[in-house]
N, C-alpha and C. Protein backbone atom coordinates (compact mmCIF):
# COMPACT_ATOMS: atom_id res chain seq x y z
N UNK A 1 121.32 102.11 69.32
CA UNK A 1 121.31 102.98 70.53
C UNK A 1 122.48 103.27 71.19
N UNK A 2 123.05 104.40 71.36
CA UNK A 2 124.11 104.73 72.01
C UNK A 2 123.77 105.36 73.31
N UNK A 3 124.16 104.79 74.73
CA UNK A 3 124.18 105.09 76.15
C UNK A 3 125.18 105.21 76.72
N UNK A 4 125.41 106.52 77.15
CA UNK A 4 126.58 106.65 77.92
C UNK A 4 126.18 107.28 79.33
N UNK A 5 126.84 107.06 80.55
CA UNK A 5 126.76 107.34 82.00
C UNK A 5 127.75 108.08 82.57
N UNK A 6 127.78 109.37 83.34
CA UNK A 6 128.99 109.63 83.78
C UNK A 6 128.41 110.33 85.15
N UNK A 7 129.18 109.95 86.15
CA UNK A 7 128.94 110.65 87.56
C UNK A 7 129.72 111.69 87.68
N UNK A 8 129.21 112.76 88.17
CA UNK A 8 130.09 114.03 88.54
C UNK A 8 130.02 114.48 90.04
N UNK A 9 131.03 114.88 90.42
CA UNK A 9 131.21 115.13 91.89
C UNK A 9 131.52 116.82 91.87
N UNK A 10 130.79 117.29 93.02
CA UNK A 10 130.93 118.63 93.47
C UNK A 10 130.76 118.83 95.01
N UNK A 11 131.41 119.93 95.40
CA UNK A 11 131.17 120.48 96.81
C UNK A 11 130.35 121.60 96.94
N UNK A 12 129.37 121.53 97.81
CA UNK A 12 128.48 122.80 97.97
C UNK A 12 128.72 123.27 99.33
N UNK A 13 128.37 124.45 99.55
CA UNK A 13 127.92 125.24 100.58
C UNK A 13 126.47 125.03 101.15
N UNK A 14 126.49 125.39 102.42
CA UNK A 14 124.85 125.76 102.64
C UNK A 14 124.17 126.53 101.90
N UNK A 15 122.76 125.93 101.34
CA UNK A 15 122.07 126.80 100.72
C UNK A 15 122.47 127.29 99.09
N UNK A 16 123.56 126.48 98.53
CA UNK A 16 124.38 126.85 97.55
C UNK A 16 123.44 126.62 96.33
N UNK A 17 123.85 127.32 95.23
CA UNK A 17 123.39 127.26 93.85
C UNK A 17 124.71 126.99 92.86
N UNK A 18 124.73 125.55 92.58
CA UNK A 18 125.95 125.30 91.66
C UNK A 18 125.63 125.10 90.10
N UNK A 19 126.38 125.76 89.30
CA UNK A 19 125.91 125.57 87.88
C UNK A 19 126.60 124.58 87.26
N UNK A 20 126.01 123.85 86.75
CA UNK A 20 126.40 122.47 86.06
C UNK A 20 126.42 122.42 84.47
N UNK A 21 125.93 123.60 83.88
CA UNK A 21 125.79 123.56 82.54
C UNK A 21 127.07 123.15 81.51
N UNK A 22 128.05 123.88 81.95
CA UNK A 22 129.42 123.60 81.00
C UNK A 22 129.73 122.30 80.98
N UNK A 23 129.68 121.45 82.13
CA UNK A 23 130.12 120.23 82.50
C UNK A 23 129.33 119.44 81.61
N UNK A 24 127.93 119.57 81.95
CA UNK A 24 126.91 118.75 81.07
C UNK A 24 126.93 118.83 79.59
N UNK A 25 127.11 120.04 79.01
CA UNK A 25 127.04 120.26 77.63
C UNK A 25 128.58 119.65 76.96
N UNK A 26 129.71 119.85 77.89
CA UNK A 26 130.43 119.09 77.49
C UNK A 26 130.67 117.55 77.24
N UNK A 27 129.92 117.13 78.53
CA UNK A 27 129.83 115.66 78.10
C UNK A 27 129.12 115.18 77.12
N UNK A 28 127.86 115.94 76.90
CA UNK A 28 126.76 115.52 75.72
C UNK A 28 127.69 115.66 74.39
N UNK A 29 128.30 116.55 74.44
CA UNK A 29 129.21 116.91 73.06
C UNK A 29 130.10 115.55 72.88
N UNK A 30 130.91 115.12 74.03
CA UNK A 30 131.79 114.16 73.95
C UNK A 30 131.31 112.72 73.66
N UNK A 31 129.98 112.60 73.60
CA UNK A 31 129.41 110.94 73.58
C UNK A 31 128.96 111.01 71.96
N UNK A 32 129.06 112.00 71.35
CA UNK A 32 128.89 111.78 69.83
C UNK A 32 127.54 111.59 69.45
N UNK A 33 126.44 111.67 70.49
CA UNK A 33 125.35 111.42 70.11
C UNK A 33 124.67 112.76 69.54
N UNK A 34 123.79 112.48 68.24
CA UNK A 34 123.37 113.93 67.60
C UNK A 34 121.79 114.04 67.75
N UNK A 35 121.32 112.84 68.02
CA UNK A 35 119.84 113.12 68.29
C UNK A 35 119.20 112.16 69.60
N UNK A 36 118.84 112.61 70.60
CA UNK A 36 118.70 111.89 71.81
C UNK A 36 117.96 112.69 73.04
N UNK A 37 118.21 111.98 73.94
CA UNK A 37 117.86 112.57 75.24
C UNK A 37 119.05 112.49 76.37
N UNK A 38 118.88 113.57 77.10
CA UNK A 38 119.93 113.59 78.41
C UNK A 38 119.03 113.83 79.50
N UNK A 39 119.34 112.87 80.62
CA UNK A 39 118.64 112.78 81.90
C UNK A 39 119.72 113.08 82.84
N UNK A 40 119.49 113.98 83.57
CA UNK A 40 120.37 114.38 84.72
C UNK A 40 119.52 114.02 85.91
N UNK A 41 120.44 113.29 87.07
CA UNK A 41 119.92 112.81 88.15
C UNK A 41 120.58 113.13 89.33
N UNK A 42 119.98 113.65 90.39
CA UNK A 42 120.43 113.85 91.75
C UNK A 42 120.24 112.93 92.62
N UNK A 43 120.90 112.15 93.27
CA UNK A 43 120.51 110.96 94.22
C UNK A 43 120.40 111.31 95.50
N UNK A 44 120.44 112.68 95.91
CA UNK A 44 120.33 113.35 97.31
C UNK A 44 118.98 113.99 97.64
N UNK A 45 118.63 113.60 99.04
CA UNK A 45 117.32 113.93 99.54
C UNK A 45 117.38 115.42 99.89
N UNK A 46 118.42 116.11 100.11
CA UNK A 46 118.47 117.56 100.50
C UNK A 46 119.05 118.44 99.55
N UNK A 47 118.77 117.83 98.12
CA UNK A 47 119.09 119.02 97.07
C UNK A 47 118.45 118.74 95.84
N UNK A 48 118.13 119.54 94.90
CA UNK A 48 117.58 119.54 93.82
C UNK A 48 117.97 119.75 92.47
N UNK A 49 117.51 119.94 91.39
CA UNK A 49 117.88 120.48 90.11
C UNK A 49 116.90 121.29 89.44
N UNK A 50 117.49 122.11 88.73
CA UNK A 50 116.61 123.07 88.18
C UNK A 50 117.36 123.76 87.04
N UNK A 51 116.28 124.43 85.99
CA UNK A 51 116.61 125.15 84.96
C UNK A 51 116.14 126.51 85.21
N UNK A 52 117.25 127.63 85.06
CA UNK A 52 116.80 128.84 85.36
C UNK A 52 117.56 129.91 84.39
N UNK A 53 117.46 131.22 84.43
CA UNK A 53 118.20 132.29 83.84
C UNK A 53 119.55 132.55 84.53
N UNK A 54 120.49 132.61 83.65
CA UNK A 54 121.90 132.90 83.96
C UNK A 54 122.32 134.04 84.02
N UNK A 55 121.50 135.23 83.41
CA UNK A 55 121.74 136.61 83.40
C UNK A 55 121.97 137.40 84.69
N UNK A 56 121.09 137.18 85.46
CA UNK A 56 121.52 137.81 86.76
C UNK A 56 121.84 136.99 88.04
N UNK A 57 122.99 137.06 88.53
CA UNK A 57 123.40 136.10 89.61
C UNK A 57 122.61 136.38 91.06
N UNK A 58 122.05 137.66 90.99
CA UNK A 58 120.88 137.67 92.21
C UNK A 58 119.78 136.93 92.11
N UNK A 59 119.56 136.48 90.96
CA UNK A 59 118.30 135.19 90.86
C UNK A 59 118.48 134.15 91.50
N UNK A 60 119.77 133.64 91.55
CA UNK A 60 120.01 132.57 92.44
C UNK A 60 119.59 132.80 93.67
N UNK A 61 120.05 134.02 94.12
CA UNK A 61 119.88 134.27 95.68
C UNK A 61 118.09 134.29 95.89
N UNK A 62 117.66 134.88 95.05
CA UNK A 62 115.88 134.80 95.11
C UNK A 62 115.29 133.54 94.89
N UNK A 63 115.97 132.84 94.22
CA UNK A 63 115.38 131.22 94.26
C UNK A 63 115.22 130.54 95.70
N UNK A 64 116.57 130.90 96.26
CA UNK A 64 116.99 129.95 97.37
C UNK A 64 115.88 130.59 98.49
N UNK A 65 115.99 132.04 98.72
CA UNK A 65 115.54 132.85 99.51
C UNK A 65 113.67 132.25 99.57
N UNK A 66 113.28 132.26 98.27
CA UNK A 66 111.88 131.89 98.15
C UNK A 66 111.58 130.43 98.71
N UNK A 67 112.55 129.59 97.99
CA UNK A 67 112.32 128.38 98.67
C UNK A 67 112.49 128.29 100.05
N UNK A 68 113.33 128.87 100.68
CA UNK A 68 113.38 128.84 102.20
C UNK A 68 112.10 129.72 102.79
N UNK A 69 111.72 130.45 102.13
CA UNK A 69 110.20 131.18 102.78
C UNK A 69 109.39 130.37 102.63
N UNK A 70 108.79 129.82 101.53
CA UNK A 70 107.94 128.76 101.53
C UNK A 70 107.95 127.56 102.41
N UNK A 71 109.39 127.04 102.43
CA UNK A 71 109.75 126.00 103.32
C UNK A 71 110.75 126.08 104.31
N UNK A 72 110.08 126.86 105.36
CA UNK A 72 111.26 127.31 106.44
C UNK A 72 111.69 126.05 107.34
N UNK A 73 112.80 126.18 107.71
CA UNK A 73 113.34 125.15 108.80
C UNK A 73 112.77 125.58 109.98
N UNK A 74 112.46 124.48 110.54
CA UNK A 74 111.32 124.66 111.71
C UNK A 74 111.50 123.39 112.71
N UNK A 75 111.26 123.41 114.00
CA UNK A 75 111.16 122.13 114.55
C UNK A 75 109.97 121.35 114.92
N UNK A 76 108.85 121.81 114.19
CA UNK A 76 107.69 120.90 114.12
C UNK A 76 107.28 120.04 112.93
N UNK A 77 108.45 119.59 112.24
CA UNK A 77 108.21 118.76 111.12
C UNK A 77 108.09 117.55 111.88
N UNK A 78 107.21 116.58 111.46
CA UNK A 78 107.16 115.43 112.00
C UNK A 78 108.25 114.50 112.02
N UNK A 79 109.02 114.49 110.85
CA UNK A 79 110.09 113.56 110.68
C UNK A 79 111.41 114.53 111.06
N UNK A 80 112.01 113.98 111.98
CA UNK A 80 113.15 114.78 112.58
C UNK A 80 114.30 113.87 112.84
N UNK A 81 114.56 112.97 111.38
CA UNK A 81 115.54 112.03 111.67
C UNK A 81 117.18 112.77 111.82
N UNK A 82 117.49 113.78 111.51
CA UNK A 82 118.75 114.23 111.44
C UNK A 82 118.56 115.48 112.33
N UNK A 83 118.21 116.45 111.40
CA UNK A 83 118.01 117.91 111.85
C UNK A 83 116.87 118.64 111.16
N UNK A 84 116.30 119.80 111.98
CA UNK A 84 114.95 120.61 111.20
C UNK A 84 115.82 120.84 109.99
N UNK A 85 116.85 121.27 109.73
CA UNK A 85 117.31 121.87 108.27
C UNK A 85 117.34 120.46 107.36
N UNK A 86 117.72 119.44 107.77
CA UNK A 86 117.37 118.07 106.84
C UNK A 86 116.03 117.71 106.49
N UNK A 87 115.29 117.82 107.56
CA UNK A 87 113.70 117.69 107.24
C UNK A 87 113.30 118.58 106.06
N UNK A 88 113.38 119.98 106.31
CA UNK A 88 113.00 121.03 105.40
C UNK A 88 113.76 120.69 104.03
N UNK A 89 114.92 120.24 104.09
CA UNK A 89 115.76 119.89 102.91
C UNK A 89 114.97 118.72 102.03
N UNK A 90 114.37 117.89 102.68
CA UNK A 90 113.57 116.67 102.32
C UNK A 90 112.15 117.13 101.53
N UNK A 91 111.60 118.15 102.23
CA UNK A 91 110.53 118.75 101.50
C UNK A 91 110.76 119.39 100.53
N UNK A 92 111.79 120.41 100.45
CA UNK A 92 112.32 121.20 99.37
C UNK A 92 112.93 120.35 98.08
N UNK A 93 113.47 119.29 98.29
CA UNK A 93 114.10 118.52 97.22
C UNK A 93 112.70 117.78 96.35
N UNK A 94 111.63 117.37 97.29
CA UNK A 94 110.47 116.88 96.83
C UNK A 94 109.78 117.71 95.84
N UNK A 95 109.78 118.99 96.53
CA UNK A 95 108.97 119.93 95.42
C UNK A 95 109.89 120.72 94.19
N UNK A 96 110.99 120.54 94.53
CA UNK A 96 111.70 120.97 93.39
C UNK A 96 112.12 119.87 92.22
N UNK A 97 112.33 118.83 92.71
CA UNK A 97 112.63 117.60 91.80
C UNK A 97 114.09 117.25 92.02
N UNK A 98 114.57 116.05 91.70
CA UNK A 98 115.89 115.54 91.44
C UNK A 98 116.32 114.90 90.07
N UNK A 99 115.31 115.47 89.03
CA UNK A 99 115.95 114.69 87.59
C UNK A 99 115.27 115.97 86.85
N UNK A 100 116.17 115.94 85.56
CA UNK A 100 115.76 116.88 84.26
C UNK A 100 115.93 115.98 83.39
N UNK A 101 114.84 115.93 82.29
CA UNK A 101 115.18 115.44 81.17
C UNK A 101 115.24 116.33 79.92
N UNK A 102 116.16 116.25 79.37
CA UNK A 102 116.58 117.30 78.36
C UNK A 102 116.62 116.72 76.74
N UNK A 103 116.29 117.47 75.60
CA UNK A 103 116.63 117.04 74.32
C UNK A 103 118.03 117.37 73.79
N UNK A 104 118.48 116.39 73.17
CA UNK A 104 119.74 116.47 72.06
C UNK A 104 119.41 116.47 70.78
N UNK A 105 119.84 117.86 70.12
CA UNK A 105 119.54 117.93 68.90
C UNK A 105 120.57 118.42 68.30
N UNK A 106 121.19 117.87 67.21
CA UNK A 106 122.32 118.33 66.35
C UNK A 106 123.61 118.18 67.01
N UNK A 107 123.47 117.34 68.05
CA UNK A 107 124.71 117.04 69.08
C UNK A 107 124.68 117.85 69.95
N UNK A 108 123.62 118.70 70.55
CA UNK A 108 123.76 119.84 71.31
C UNK A 108 122.41 119.74 72.30
N UNK A 109 122.71 120.09 73.42
CA UNK A 109 121.36 120.38 74.44
C UNK A 109 120.73 121.36 73.91
N UNK A 110 119.30 121.01 74.04
CA UNK A 110 118.22 122.06 73.60
C UNK A 110 117.81 122.92 74.77
N UNK A 111 118.54 123.88 74.96
CA UNK A 111 118.23 124.94 76.14
C UNK A 111 117.94 126.38 75.48
N UNK A 112 117.33 126.90 76.03
CA UNK A 112 117.05 128.15 75.53
C UNK A 112 118.12 129.10 75.87
N UNK A 113 118.11 130.30 75.21
CA UNK A 113 119.32 131.23 74.90
C UNK A 113 119.98 131.83 76.42
N UNK A 114 118.85 131.74 77.30
CA UNK A 114 119.35 132.28 78.68
C UNK A 114 119.13 131.32 79.80
N UNK A 115 119.05 130.07 79.36
CA UNK A 115 118.59 128.93 80.23
C UNK A 115 120.22 128.04 80.73
N UNK A 116 120.10 127.94 82.21
CA UNK A 116 121.33 127.07 82.57
C UNK A 116 120.83 126.08 83.51
N UNK A 117 121.73 125.30 83.77
CA UNK A 117 121.31 124.13 84.48
C UNK A 117 122.03 124.19 85.92
N UNK A 118 121.19 123.86 87.10
CA UNK A 118 121.55 124.25 88.17
C UNK A 118 121.55 123.12 89.26
N UNK A 119 122.50 122.89 90.31
CA UNK A 119 122.19 122.12 91.46
C UNK A 119 121.88 122.91 92.77
N UNK A 120 120.91 122.67 93.42
CA UNK A 120 120.29 123.52 94.45
C UNK A 120 120.60 122.86 95.72
N UNK A 121 121.29 123.18 96.70
CA UNK A 121 121.74 122.50 97.78
C UNK A 121 120.74 123.40 99.06
N UNK A 122 120.22 122.29 99.54
CA UNK A 122 119.14 122.62 100.59
C UNK A 122 119.75 122.48 102.03
N UNK A 123 120.78 122.07 102.03
CA UNK A 123 121.54 121.74 103.36
C UNK A 123 123.07 122.25 103.28
N UNK A 124 123.76 121.24 103.43
CA UNK A 124 125.40 121.52 103.19
C UNK A 124 125.91 122.17 104.55
N UNK A 125 127.00 122.36 104.30
CA UNK A 125 128.33 122.08 102.94
C UNK A 125 128.10 120.55 103.02
N UNK A 126 128.56 120.21 101.80
CA UNK A 126 128.24 118.68 101.38
C UNK A 126 129.47 118.17 100.34
N UNK A 127 129.70 117.33 100.20
CA UNK A 127 130.42 116.57 98.80
C UNK A 127 129.12 115.75 98.29
N UNK A 128 128.64 116.10 97.03
CA UNK A 128 127.67 115.80 96.28
C UNK A 128 128.03 115.21 94.92
N UNK A 129 127.12 114.28 94.35
CA UNK A 129 127.17 113.73 93.45
C UNK A 129 126.13 114.08 92.46
N UNK A 130 125.97 114.01 91.13
CA UNK A 130 125.00 113.62 90.19
C UNK A 130 125.48 113.03 88.92
N UNK A 131 124.29 112.38 88.41
CA UNK A 131 124.52 111.56 86.98
C UNK A 131 124.09 112.22 85.89
N UNK A 132 124.67 112.01 84.96
CA UNK A 132 124.19 112.49 83.44
C UNK A 132 124.09 111.02 82.87
N UNK A 133 122.98 110.77 81.97
CA UNK A 133 122.98 109.75 80.94
C UNK A 133 122.51 110.55 79.77
N UNK A 134 123.27 109.74 78.69
CA UNK A 134 122.79 110.25 77.25
C UNK A 134 122.42 109.02 76.55
N UNK A 135 121.48 109.35 75.82
CA UNK A 135 120.94 108.19 75.07
C UNK A 135 120.61 108.58 73.81
N UNK A 136 120.70 107.99 72.61
CA UNK A 136 120.43 108.36 71.26
C UNK A 136 121.40 107.94 70.08
N UNK A 137 121.34 108.48 68.99
CA UNK A 137 121.79 107.92 67.96
C UNK A 137 123.02 108.86 67.56
């Protein structure tokens, strides 16, 4: 079994959506793994990871708008360690999730033809990181 881990660094804006697809695909292909798994992990409590369509950039705005509509920044969160935005970000991150498991087949990520991998910032601006681990043969 071949196992590779790489840390990526990005900079985000407030409520940003950052495309990760190309960097992750390139890393997967560089490992030489033909069949296996790829796990993407975000170690931040006010950000998430998702897979969505890349065809219409307005879709990214819709995602952030709906997440903010469902979990608005407000001052009545019971936990207020930092700011109301921080508290809302914790809830958003919990619901969206911080990891994505993907299949590697024939040396490539198995993604649908319109799917892309994205980092969702629920706070920011921030210097962020995420990790990609590839395992397989």
